[in-house]
């Protein structure tokens, strides 16, 4: 092999190594910045879920009602917050009422939640009770439960009988 060929081969190999290192550096930097962007986006979505939860649970309902075990309408009057209604609902569900007894009020609550959430998010509300009062769960949202990839803001309450009630607001990308 002559010197010019060896020199060209060496130059090509050196250029290949430099291009490989430069490409790896650019790809590494890009993936790092995407991870930081994704982490920031998730943190913002969690903060947004918290804001939606606080706003929703403080919202008052205009004369909410439900049906008791005999099918009679129980009116709660004005000024009942969504938080209070949901806490009472899951306790009544644990005592044997069905979700259908609360259907109209729950539709109103879900409508209010939907009005608080901007695209591209979808919202769902979950309430649960466990303890000496029994167990109950209520889900307000599309489907039967929230998707696995979601942003959740929750609050836990201790009831006077020692049970634990939880209200969660879930947001997810549609």
Protein backbone atom coordinates (compact mmCIF):
# COMPACT_ATOMS: atom_id res chain seq x y z
CA UNK A 1 0.00 0.00 0.00
CA UNK A 2 1.32 3.43 -0.81
CA UNK A 3 1.60 6.32 1.64
CA UNK A 4 -1.25 8.31 0.11
CA UNK A 5 -3.66 5.36 0.55
CA UNK A 6 -2.58 4.80 4.14
CA UNK A 7 -2.98 8.48 4.90
CA UNK A 8 -6.47 8.54 3.36
CA UNK A 9 -7.47 5.42 5.32
CA UNK A 10 -6.13 6.94 8.55
CA UNK A 11 -7.96 10.23 7.86
CA UNK A 12 -11.22 8.40 7.18
CA UNK A 13 -10.88 6.34 10.38
CA UNK A 14 -10.07 9.47 12.43
CA UNK A 15 -13.05 11.31 10.91
CA UNK A 16 -15.30 8.31 11.72
CA UNK A 17 -14.17 8.28 15.39
CA UNK A 18 -14.68 12.05 15.75
CA UNK A 19 -18.14 11.84 14.13
CA UNK A 20 -19.08 8.92 16.40
CA UNK A 21 -18.03 10.80 19.56
CA UNK A 22 -19.85 13.96 18.41
CA UNK A 23 -23.03 12.00 17.63
CA UNK A 24 -22.96 10.25 21.01
CA UNK A 25 -22.51 13.59 22.75
CA UNK A 26 -25.45 15.17 20.90
CA UNK A 27 -27.69 12.17 21.56
CA UNK A 28 -26.72 12.09 25.24
CA UNK A 29 -27.43 15.79 25.66
CA UNK A 30 -30.76 15.52 23.84
CA UNK A 31 -31.99 12.59 25.90
CA UNK A 32 -30.91 14.36 29.10
CA UNK A 33 -32.81 17.52 28.19
CA UNK A 34 -35.89 15.49 27.20
CA UNK A 35 -35.81 13.74 30.59
CA UNK A 36 -35.60 17.12 32.32
CA UNK A 37 -38.49 18.44 30.20
CA UNK A 38 -40.58 15.36 30.96
CA UNK A 39 -39.83 15.67 34.67
CA UNK A 40 -40.86 19.33 34.61
CA UNK A 41 -44.04 18.49 32.68
CA UNK A 42 -44.97 15.79 35.22
CA UNK A 43 -44.34 18.17 38.12
CA UNK A 44 -46.54 20.81 36.47
CA UNK A 45 -49.29 18.23 35.86
CA UNK A 46 -49.19 17.10 39.50
CA UNK A 47 -49.44 20.72 40.65
CA UNK A 48 -52.35 21.21 38.26
CA UNK A 49 -54.11 18.13 39.69
CA UNK A 50 -53.69 19.61 43.17
CA UNK A 51 -55.15 22.94 42.04
CA UNK A 52 -58.13 21.19 40.44
CA UNK A 53 -58.72 19.13 43.62
CA UNK A 54 -58.67 22.19 45.87
CA UNK A 55 -60.96 24.21 43.59
CA UNK A 56 -63.39 21.33 43.05
CA UNK A 57 -63.71 20.28 46.67
CA UNK A 58 -64.34 23.87 47.80
CA UNK A 59 -67.11 24.33 45.22
CA UNK A 60 -70.59 24.52 46.75
CA UNK A 61 -73.55 22.70 45.28
CA UNK A 62 -77.02 24.18 44.84
CA UNK A 63 -79.34 22.02 46.94
CA UNK A 64 -77.75 18.61 46.28
CA UNK A 65 -79.80 15.54 47.00
CA UNK A 66 -79.75 11.76 46.97
CA UNK A 67 -82.24 8.93 47.36
CA UNK A 68 -82.37 7.12 50.69
CA UNK A 69 -82.88 3.37 51.06
CA UNK A 70 -86.65 3.75 50.66
CA UNK A 71 -86.22 5.72 47.43
CA UNK A 72 -87.18 9.02 49.04
CA UNK A 73 -85.40 12.22 48.07
CA UNK A 74 -83.11 13.63 50.78
CA UNK A 75 -82.38 17.29 50.12
CA UNK A 76 -79.24 18.68 51.76
CA UNK A 77 -79.89 22.40 51.17
CA UNK A 78 -77.64 25.08 49.75
CA UNK A 79 -74.00 25.57 50.62
CA UNK A 80 -72.89 21.94 50.79
CA UNK A 81 -69.39 21.60 49.37
CA UNK A 82 -68.40 18.89 46.92
CA UNK A 83 -65.96 17.62 49.57
CA UNK A 84 -68.70 17.23 52.22
CA UNK A 85 -71.07 15.59 49.75
CA UNK A 86 -68.48 13.03 48.60
CA UNK A 87 -67.47 12.20 52.17
CA UNK A 88 -71.12 11.65 53.13
CA UNK A 89 -71.72 9.64 49.96
CA UNK A 90 -68.95 7.11 50.55
CA UNK A 91 -70.09 6.65 54.15
CA UNK A 92 -73.66 6.03 52.99
CA UNK A 93 -72.41 3.64 50.30
CA UNK A 94 -70.59 1.70 53.01
CA UNK A 95 -73.90 1.43 54.86
CA UNK A 96 -75.68 -0.11 51.88
CA UNK A 97 -76.90 2.59 49.51
CA UNK A 98 -76.03 2.15 45.83
CA UNK A 99 -74.21 4.58 43.51
CA UNK A 100 -77.49 5.05 41.63
CA UNK A 101 -78.90 6.84 44.69
CA UNK A 102 -76.39 9.65 44.04
CA UNK A 103 -76.42 9.67 40.22
CA UNK A 104 -77.77 13.19 39.67
CA UNK A 105 -75.49 14.88 42.19
CA UNK A 106 -72.50 12.89 40.92
CA UNK A 107 -73.24 13.98 37.33
CA UNK A 108 -73.31 17.59 38.54
CA UNK A 109 -69.99 17.14 40.39
CA UNK A 110 -68.36 15.54 37.35
CA UNK A 111 -69.66 18.37 35.18
CA UNK A 112 -68.08 20.91 37.52
CA UNK A 113 -64.81 18.98 37.48
CA UNK A 114 -64.83 18.88 33.68
CA UNK A 115 -65.38 22.64 33.58
CA UNK A 116 -62.25 23.16 35.69
CA UNK A 117 -59.96 21.04 33.50
CA UNK A 118 -58.42 22.35 30.30
CA UNK A 119 -57.42 20.20 27.31
CA UNK A 120 -55.52 17.92 26.81
CA UNK A 121 -56.44 16.58 30.25
CA UNK A 122 -59.37 14.46 31.33
CA UNK A 123 -60.54 14.27 34.94
CA UNK A 124 -61.88 11.59 37.25
CA UNK A 125 -62.82 11.66 40.93
CA UNK A 126 -62.48 8.71 43.23
CA UNK A 127 -63.67 8.36 46.81
CA UNK A 128 -63.07 5.44 49.12
CA UNK A 129 -63.76 4.44 52.70
CA UNK A 130 -62.23 1.64 54.71
CA UNK A 131 -62.41 0.78 58.38
CA UNK A 132 -64.98 -0.08 61.00
CA UNK A 133 -67.78 1.65 59.05
CA UNK A 134 -67.22 -0.79 56.18
CA UNK A 135 -65.72 -0.40 52.73
CA UNK A 136 -66.96 1.61 49.80
CA UNK A 137 -65.67 3.16 46.59
CA UNK A 138 -67.17 5.69 44.23
CA UNK A 139 -65.82 6.59 40.79
CA UNK A 140 -66.89 9.66 38.82
CA UNK A 141 -65.35 9.72 35.37
CA UNK A 142 -65.12 7.91 32.07
CA UNK A 143 -64.62 4.17 32.19
CA UNK A 144 -64.59 2.19 35.39
CA UNK A 145 -61.36 3.56 36.85
CA UNK A 146 -58.57 5.99 36.02
CA UNK A 147 -55.81 4.89 33.63
CA UNK A 148 -52.52 3.74 35.11
CA UNK A 149 -50.60 6.73 33.75
CA UNK A 150 -52.22 9.60 35.62
CA UNK A 151 -51.56 12.51 37.94
CA UNK A 152 -53.30 12.22 41.28
CA UNK A 153 -54.00 14.66 44.07
CA UNK A 154 -55.53 13.03 47.12
CA UNK A 155 -56.63 13.92 50.60
CA UNK A 156 -57.21 11.51 53.47
CA UNK A 157 -59.71 12.03 56.27
CA UNK A 158 -60.15 10.22 59.56
CA UNK A 159 -63.80 9.73 60.51
CA UNK A 160 -65.13 9.79 64.08
CA UNK A 161 -65.52 5.99 64.07
CA UNK A 162 -61.86 5.47 63.12
CA UNK A 163 -62.41 4.75 59.43
CA UNK A 164 -60.25 6.30 56.72
CA UNK A 165 -61.85 8.18 53.86
CA UNK A 166 -59.90 9.29 50.79
CA UNK A 167 -60.88 11.61 47.97
CA UNK A 168 -58.65 11.63 44.89
CA UNK A 169 -58.73 13.79 41.79
CA UNK A 170 -57.03 12.12 38.82
CA UNK A 171 -55.90 13.87 35.66
CA UNK A 172 -54.55 12.16 32.57
CA UNK A 173 -53.68 13.12 29.02
CA UNK A 174 -56.32 12.27 26.44
